[in-house]
Amino acid sequence: MWRELPRPQRLRIGGCAAYAAVLTWLCIRRLTRLMLYAAYRDLHSHILLVPLVAGYLLYIQRGSVLAFGSRSIVGTTLTGGIGLAALAAGIGWRGGVTLNDELALMALVV
């Protein structure tokens, strides 16, 4: 199925996979910290199920996942700006926020 796709779509999928890999690599310490935090808290234990549920939903909808929409520079810029603002807030408030607040800010960036 992969080889049957036109080259631009393969490049988009490859770029998306590379973006996800780089983002995971950059946030691996915080993601590990979040997983350990959630594993020992009954209130937050459902966080551990999110990757499994997302993977299952992607698996059952694998035929429609490849349907691409148009590119939106405005949406990309807006989303990137929100992520950068959350990152700046997390860095600026590093000493004054609780672990819950820091993990919530990290979730906005990711």
N, C-alpha and C. Protein backbone atom coordinates (compact mmCIF):
# COMPACT_ATOMS: atom_id res chain seq x y z
N MET A 1 0.82 -1.19 0.00
CA MET A 1 0.00 0.00 0.00
C MET A 1 0.87 1.26 0.00
N TRP A 2 1.98 1.22 0.73
CA TRP A 2 2.87 2.38 0.83
C TRP A 2 3.45 2.73 -0.53
N ARG A 3 3.88 1.74 -1.28
CA ARG A 3 4.52 1.98 -2.57
C ARG A 3 3.54 2.45 -3.64
N GLU A 4 2.26 2.21 -3.44
CA GLU A 4 1.25 2.63 -4.41
C GLU A 4 0.90 4.11 -4.30
N LEU A 5 1.25 4.73 -3.20
CA LEU A 5 0.94 6.15 -2.99
C LEU A 5 1.82 7.02 -3.88
N PRO A 6 1.29 8.15 -4.33
CA PRO A 6 2.12 9.09 -5.08
C PRO A 6 3.24 9.65 -4.19
N ARG A 7 4.30 10.08 -4.82
CA ARG A 7 5.48 10.57 -4.09
C ARG A 7 5.15 11.70 -3.10
N PRO A 8 4.34 12.71 -3.47
CA PRO A 8 4.05 13.77 -2.48
C PRO A 8 3.38 13.26 -1.21
N GLN A 9 2.49 12.28 -1.34
CA GLN A 9 1.84 11.73 -0.15
C GLN A 9 2.81 10.93 0.70
N ARG A 10 3.71 10.19 0.05
CA ARG A 10 4.72 9.45 0.81
C ARG A 10 5.63 10.41 1.56
N LEU A 11 5.98 11.53 0.93
CA LEU A 11 6.82 12.53 1.60
C LEU A 11 6.09 13.15 2.80
N ARG A 12 4.80 13.41 2.66
CA ARG A 12 4.02 13.95 3.77
C ARG A 12 3.98 12.97 4.94
N ILE A 13 3.73 11.71 4.65
CA ILE A 13 3.68 10.70 5.71
C ILE A 13 5.05 10.56 6.36
N GLY A 14 6.09 10.54 5.56
CA GLY A 14 7.44 10.45 6.10
C GLY A 14 7.78 11.67 6.95
N GLY A 15 7.37 12.86 6.50
CA GLY A 15 7.60 14.08 7.27
C GLY A 15 6.84 14.06 8.58
N CYS A 16 5.62 13.58 8.55
CA CYS A 16 4.82 13.48 9.78
C CYS A 16 5.45 12.50 10.76
N ALA A 17 5.92 11.37 10.26
CA ALA A 17 6.59 10.40 11.13
C ALA A 17 7.88 10.96 11.71
N ALA A 18 8.65 11.68 10.89
CA ALA A 18 9.88 12.30 11.37
C ALA A 18 9.59 13.37 12.42
N TYR A 19 8.54 14.16 12.20
CA TYR A 19 8.14 15.20 13.16
C TYR A 19 7.76 14.56 14.49
N ALA A 20 6.98 13.49 14.44
CA ALA A 20 6.57 12.81 15.67
C ALA A 20 7.78 12.22 16.39
N ALA A 21 8.72 11.66 15.64
CA ALA A 21 9.92 11.09 16.25
C ALA A 21 10.78 12.17 16.90
N VAL A 22 10.98 13.29 16.24
CA VAL A 22 11.79 14.38 16.80
C VAL A 22 11.10 14.97 18.03
N LEU A 23 9.79 15.16 17.96
CA LEU A 23 9.05 15.71 19.09
C LEU A 23 9.12 14.77 20.29
N THR A 24 9.00 13.48 20.05
CA THR A 24 9.11 12.50 21.13
C THR A 24 10.51 12.52 21.72
N TRP A 25 11.53 12.58 20.87
CA TRP A 25 12.91 12.61 21.33
C TRP A 25 13.18 13.85 22.19
N LEU A 26 12.65 15.00 21.76
CA LEU A 26 12.86 16.23 22.52
C LEU A 26 12.15 16.21 23.88
N CYS A 27 11.04 15.51 23.97
CA CYS A 27 10.24 15.53 25.20
C CYS A 27 10.29 14.22 25.97
N ILE A 28 11.25 13.34 25.66
CA ILE A 28 11.25 12.01 26.25
C ILE A 28 11.40 12.05 27.78
N ARG A 29 12.20 12.97 28.30
CA ARG A 29 12.35 13.06 29.76
C ARG A 29 11.04 13.43 30.43
N ARG A 30 10.37 14.43 29.87
CA ARG A 30 9.11 14.87 30.46
C ARG A 30 8.01 13.84 30.26
N LEU A 31 8.01 13.17 29.11
CA LEU A 31 7.01 12.12 28.89
C LEU A 31 7.21 10.97 29.86
N THR A 32 8.46 10.61 30.10
CA THR A 32 8.75 9.55 31.07
C THR A 32 8.31 9.97 32.46
N ARG A 33 8.57 11.22 32.81
CA ARG A 33 8.16 11.75 34.10
C ARG A 33 6.63 11.74 34.24
N LEU A 34 5.94 12.10 33.15
CA LEU A 34 4.48 12.07 33.16
C LEU A 34 3.96 10.65 33.33
N MET A 35 4.56 9.69 32.65
CA MET A 35 4.12 8.30 32.76
C MET A 35 4.34 7.77 34.18
N LEU A 36 5.49 8.09 34.77
CA LEU A 36 5.75 7.65 36.14
C LEU A 36 4.79 8.32 37.13
N TYR A 37 4.52 9.58 36.91
CA TYR A 37 3.58 10.31 37.77
C TYR A 37 2.19 9.69 37.67
N ALA A 38 1.75 9.39 36.45
CA ALA A 38 0.41 8.83 36.25
C ALA A 38 0.31 7.41 36.77
N ALA A 39 1.40 6.67 36.72
CA ALA A 39 1.36 5.28 37.18
C ALA A 39 1.11 5.16 38.68
N TYR A 40 1.50 6.17 39.44
CA TYR A 40 1.35 6.11 40.89
C TYR A 40 0.21 6.96 41.42
N ARG A 41 -0.61 7.53 40.56
CA ARG A 41 -1.74 8.35 40.99
C ARG A 41 -3.03 7.76 40.42
N ASP A 42 -3.98 7.44 41.28
CA ASP A 42 -5.25 6.89 40.81
C ASP A 42 -6.01 7.88 39.95
N LEU A 43 -5.93 9.15 40.30
CA LEU A 43 -6.66 10.18 39.57
C LEU A 43 -6.16 10.32 38.13
N HIS A 44 -4.86 10.16 37.90
CA HIS A 44 -4.27 10.38 36.59
C HIS A 44 -3.90 9.09 35.86
N SER A 45 -4.28 7.94 36.37
CA SER A 45 -3.85 6.68 35.79
C SER A 45 -4.38 6.44 34.39
N HIS A 46 -5.45 7.11 34.00
CA HIS A 46 -6.01 6.94 32.65
C HIS A 46 -5.07 7.49 31.58
N ILE A 47 -4.13 8.34 31.94
CA ILE A 47 -3.20 8.91 30.97
C ILE A 47 -2.41 7.82 30.27
N LEU A 48 -2.13 6.74 30.99
CA LEU A 48 -1.37 5.64 30.41
C LEU A 48 -2.11 4.94 29.27
N LEU A 49 -3.43 5.08 29.23
CA LEU A 49 -4.23 4.43 28.19
C LEU A 49 -4.32 5.24 26.89
N VAL A 50 -3.98 6.51 26.95
CA VAL A 50 -4.14 7.38 25.78
C VAL A 50 -3.37 6.86 24.56
N PRO A 51 -2.08 6.49 24.67
CA PRO A 51 -1.39 5.98 23.48
C PRO A 51 -2.02 4.70 22.93
N LEU A 52 -2.50 3.84 23.82
CA LEU A 52 -3.13 2.60 23.35
C LEU A 52 -4.44 2.87 22.61
N VAL A 53 -5.26 3.75 23.15
CA VAL A 53 -6.53 4.08 22.50
C VAL A 53 -6.27 4.78 21.16
N ALA A 54 -5.32 5.71 21.15
CA ALA A 54 -5.00 6.41 19.90
C ALA A 54 -4.49 5.43 18.84
N GLY A 55 -3.62 4.50 19.25
CA GLY A 55 -3.12 3.49 18.32
C GLY A 55 -4.24 2.61 17.78
N TYR A 56 -5.17 2.21 18.65
CA TYR A 56 -6.30 1.40 18.22
C TYR A 56 -7.18 2.16 17.23
N LEU A 57 -7.47 3.42 17.53
CA LEU A 57 -8.31 4.21 16.63
C LEU A 57 -7.63 4.42 15.28
N LEU A 58 -6.33 4.64 15.28
CA LEU A 58 -5.60 4.76 14.02
C LEU A 58 -5.63 3.44 13.26
N TYR A 59 -5.55 2.33 13.98
CA TYR A 59 -5.56 1.02 13.33
C TYR A 59 -6.91 0.74 12.67
N ILE A 60 -8.01 1.02 13.35
CA ILE A 60 -9.32 0.70 12.76
C ILE A 60 -9.70 1.68 11.66
N GLN A 61 -9.09 2.87 11.65
CA GLN A 61 -9.39 3.86 10.61
C GLN A 61 -8.22 4.02 9.64
N ARG A 62 -7.39 2.98 9.50
CA ARG A 62 -6.18 3.10 8.70
C ARG A 62 -6.44 3.41 7.23
N GLY A 63 -7.59 3.06 6.70
CA GLY A 63 -7.90 3.36 5.31
C GLY A 63 -8.19 4.84 5.09
N SER A 64 -8.78 5.49 6.06
CA SER A 64 -9.14 6.90 5.89
C SER A 64 -8.08 7.86 6.43
N VAL A 65 -7.07 7.34 7.11
CA VAL A 65 -6.03 8.20 7.66
C VAL A 65 -5.23 8.86 6.54
N LEU A 66 -5.12 8.20 5.41
CA LEU A 66 -4.31 8.72 4.32
C LEU A 66 -5.00 9.81 3.51
N ALA A 67 -6.23 10.13 3.84
CA ALA A 67 -6.93 11.19 3.14
C ALA A 67 -6.41 12.54 3.66
N PHE A 68 -5.74 13.28 2.80
CA PHE A 68 -5.12 14.54 3.21
C PHE A 68 -6.00 15.72 2.84
N GLY A 69 -5.96 16.71 3.67
CA GLY A 69 -6.66 17.95 3.40
C GLY A 69 -5.70 18.97 2.81
N SER A 70 -6.17 20.17 2.65
CA SER A 70 -5.30 21.20 2.12
C SER A 70 -4.40 21.74 3.23
N ARG A 71 -3.33 22.37 2.85
CA ARG A 71 -2.40 22.94 3.83
C ARG A 71 -2.94 24.28 4.30
N SER A 72 -2.71 24.57 5.56
CA SER A 72 -3.18 25.82 6.12
C SER A 72 -2.04 26.50 6.86
N ILE A 73 -1.48 27.53 6.26
CA ILE A 73 -0.38 28.24 6.88
C ILE A 73 -0.87 29.00 8.12
N VAL A 74 -2.12 29.50 8.07
CA VAL A 74 -2.67 30.24 9.21
C VAL A 74 -2.85 29.30 10.41
N GLY A 75 -3.43 28.14 10.18
CA GLY A 75 -3.61 27.17 11.25
C GLY A 75 -2.29 26.68 11.82
N THR A 76 -1.33 26.45 10.94
CA THR A 76 -0.01 26.01 11.38
C THR A 76 0.66 27.08 12.23
N THR A 77 0.59 28.32 11.78
CA THR A 77 1.21 29.42 12.53
C THR A 77 0.52 29.62 13.87
N LEU A 78 -0.80 29.56 13.89
CA LEU A 78 -1.55 29.73 15.12
C LEU A 78 -1.23 28.62 16.12
N THR A 79 -1.24 27.38 15.67
CA THR A 79 -0.94 26.25 16.54
C THR A 79 0.50 26.32 17.04
N GLY A 80 1.43 26.64 16.16
CA GLY A 80 2.82 26.79 16.57
C GLY A 80 3.01 27.90 17.58
N GLY A 81 2.29 29.01 17.39
CA GLY A 81 2.38 30.13 18.34
C GLY A 81 1.86 29.75 19.72
N ILE A 82 0.77 29.01 19.76
CA ILE A 82 0.23 28.55 21.05
C ILE A 82 1.22 27.63 21.75
N GLY A 83 1.83 26.73 20.98
CA GLY A 83 2.83 25.83 21.56
C GLY A 83 4.05 26.57 22.08
N LEU A 84 4.53 27.55 21.31
CA LEU A 84 5.68 28.33 21.76
C LEU A 84 5.35 29.17 22.99
N ALA A 85 4.14 29.72 23.05
CA ALA A 85 3.73 30.49 24.23
C ALA A 85 3.67 29.59 25.46
N ALA A 86 3.16 28.38 25.31
CA ALA A 86 3.11 27.44 26.44
C ALA A 86 4.52 27.04 26.86
N LEU A 87 5.40 26.84 25.90
CA LEU A 87 6.78 26.51 26.22
C LEU A 87 7.46 27.65 26.96
N ALA A 88 7.26 28.87 26.49
CA ALA A 88 7.85 30.04 27.15
C ALA A 88 7.29 30.20 28.56
N ALA A 89 6.00 29.96 28.73
CA ALA A 89 5.39 30.05 30.07
C ALA A 89 5.98 28.99 30.99
N GLY A 90 6.16 27.79 30.48
CA GLY A 90 6.75 26.72 31.29
C GLY A 90 8.17 27.03 31.71
N ILE A 91 8.95 27.60 30.80
CA ILE A 91 10.32 27.96 31.12
C ILE A 91 10.35 29.14 32.10
N GLY A 92 9.51 30.13 31.87
CA GLY A 92 9.48 31.31 32.72
C GLY A 92 9.00 31.03 34.13
N TRP A 93 8.07 30.11 34.28
CA TRP A 93 7.48 29.82 35.59
C TRP A 93 8.06 28.55 36.20
N ARG A 94 9.20 28.14 35.75
CA ARG A 94 9.76 26.84 36.15
C ARG A 94 9.78 26.65 37.67
N GLY A 95 10.19 27.63 38.43
CA GLY A 95 10.28 27.47 39.88
C GLY A 95 8.97 27.68 40.60
N GLY A 96 8.00 28.35 39.98
CA GLY A 96 6.78 28.71 40.67
C GLY A 96 5.57 27.86 40.38
N VAL A 97 5.71 26.78 39.63
CA VAL A 97 4.55 25.95 39.31
C VAL A 97 4.70 24.57 39.94
N THR A 98 3.58 23.94 40.19
CA THR A 98 3.58 22.59 40.73
C THR A 98 3.84 21.59 39.61
N LEU A 99 4.05 20.35 39.98
CA LEU A 99 4.29 19.31 38.99
C LEU A 99 3.08 19.15 38.07
N ASN A 100 1.86 19.24 38.60
CA ASN A 100 0.65 19.15 37.78
C ASN A 100 0.63 20.25 36.73
N ASP A 101 0.94 21.49 37.14
CA ASP A 101 0.93 22.61 36.21
C ASP A 101 2.00 22.46 35.14
N GLU A 102 3.18 21.99 35.54
CA GLU A 102 4.26 21.80 34.57
C GLU A 102 3.89 20.75 33.54
N LEU A 103 3.28 19.65 33.98
CA LEU A 103 2.87 18.61 33.05
C LEU A 103 1.74 19.08 32.14
N ALA A 104 0.86 19.94 32.66
CA ALA A 104 -0.21 20.49 31.82
C ALA A 104 0.36 21.42 30.75
N LEU A 105 1.34 22.23 31.11
CA LEU A 105 1.98 23.09 30.12
C LEU A 105 2.71 22.26 29.07
N MET A 106 3.34 21.16 29.50
CA MET A 106 4.02 20.31 28.54
C MET A 106 3.03 19.67 27.58
N ALA A 107 1.84 19.34 28.06
CA ALA A 107 0.82 18.75 27.21
C ALA A 107 0.37 19.75 26.13
N LEU A 108 0.35 21.03 26.47
CA LEU A 108 0.01 22.04 25.46
C LEU A 108 1.05 22.13 24.37
N VAL A 109 2.32 21.97 24.74
CA VAL A 109 3.40 22.06 23.76
C VAL A 109 3.34 20.88 22.83
N VAL A 110 3.12 19.68 23.40
CA VAL A 110 3.08 18.47 22.58
C VAL A 110 1.80 18.46 21.81
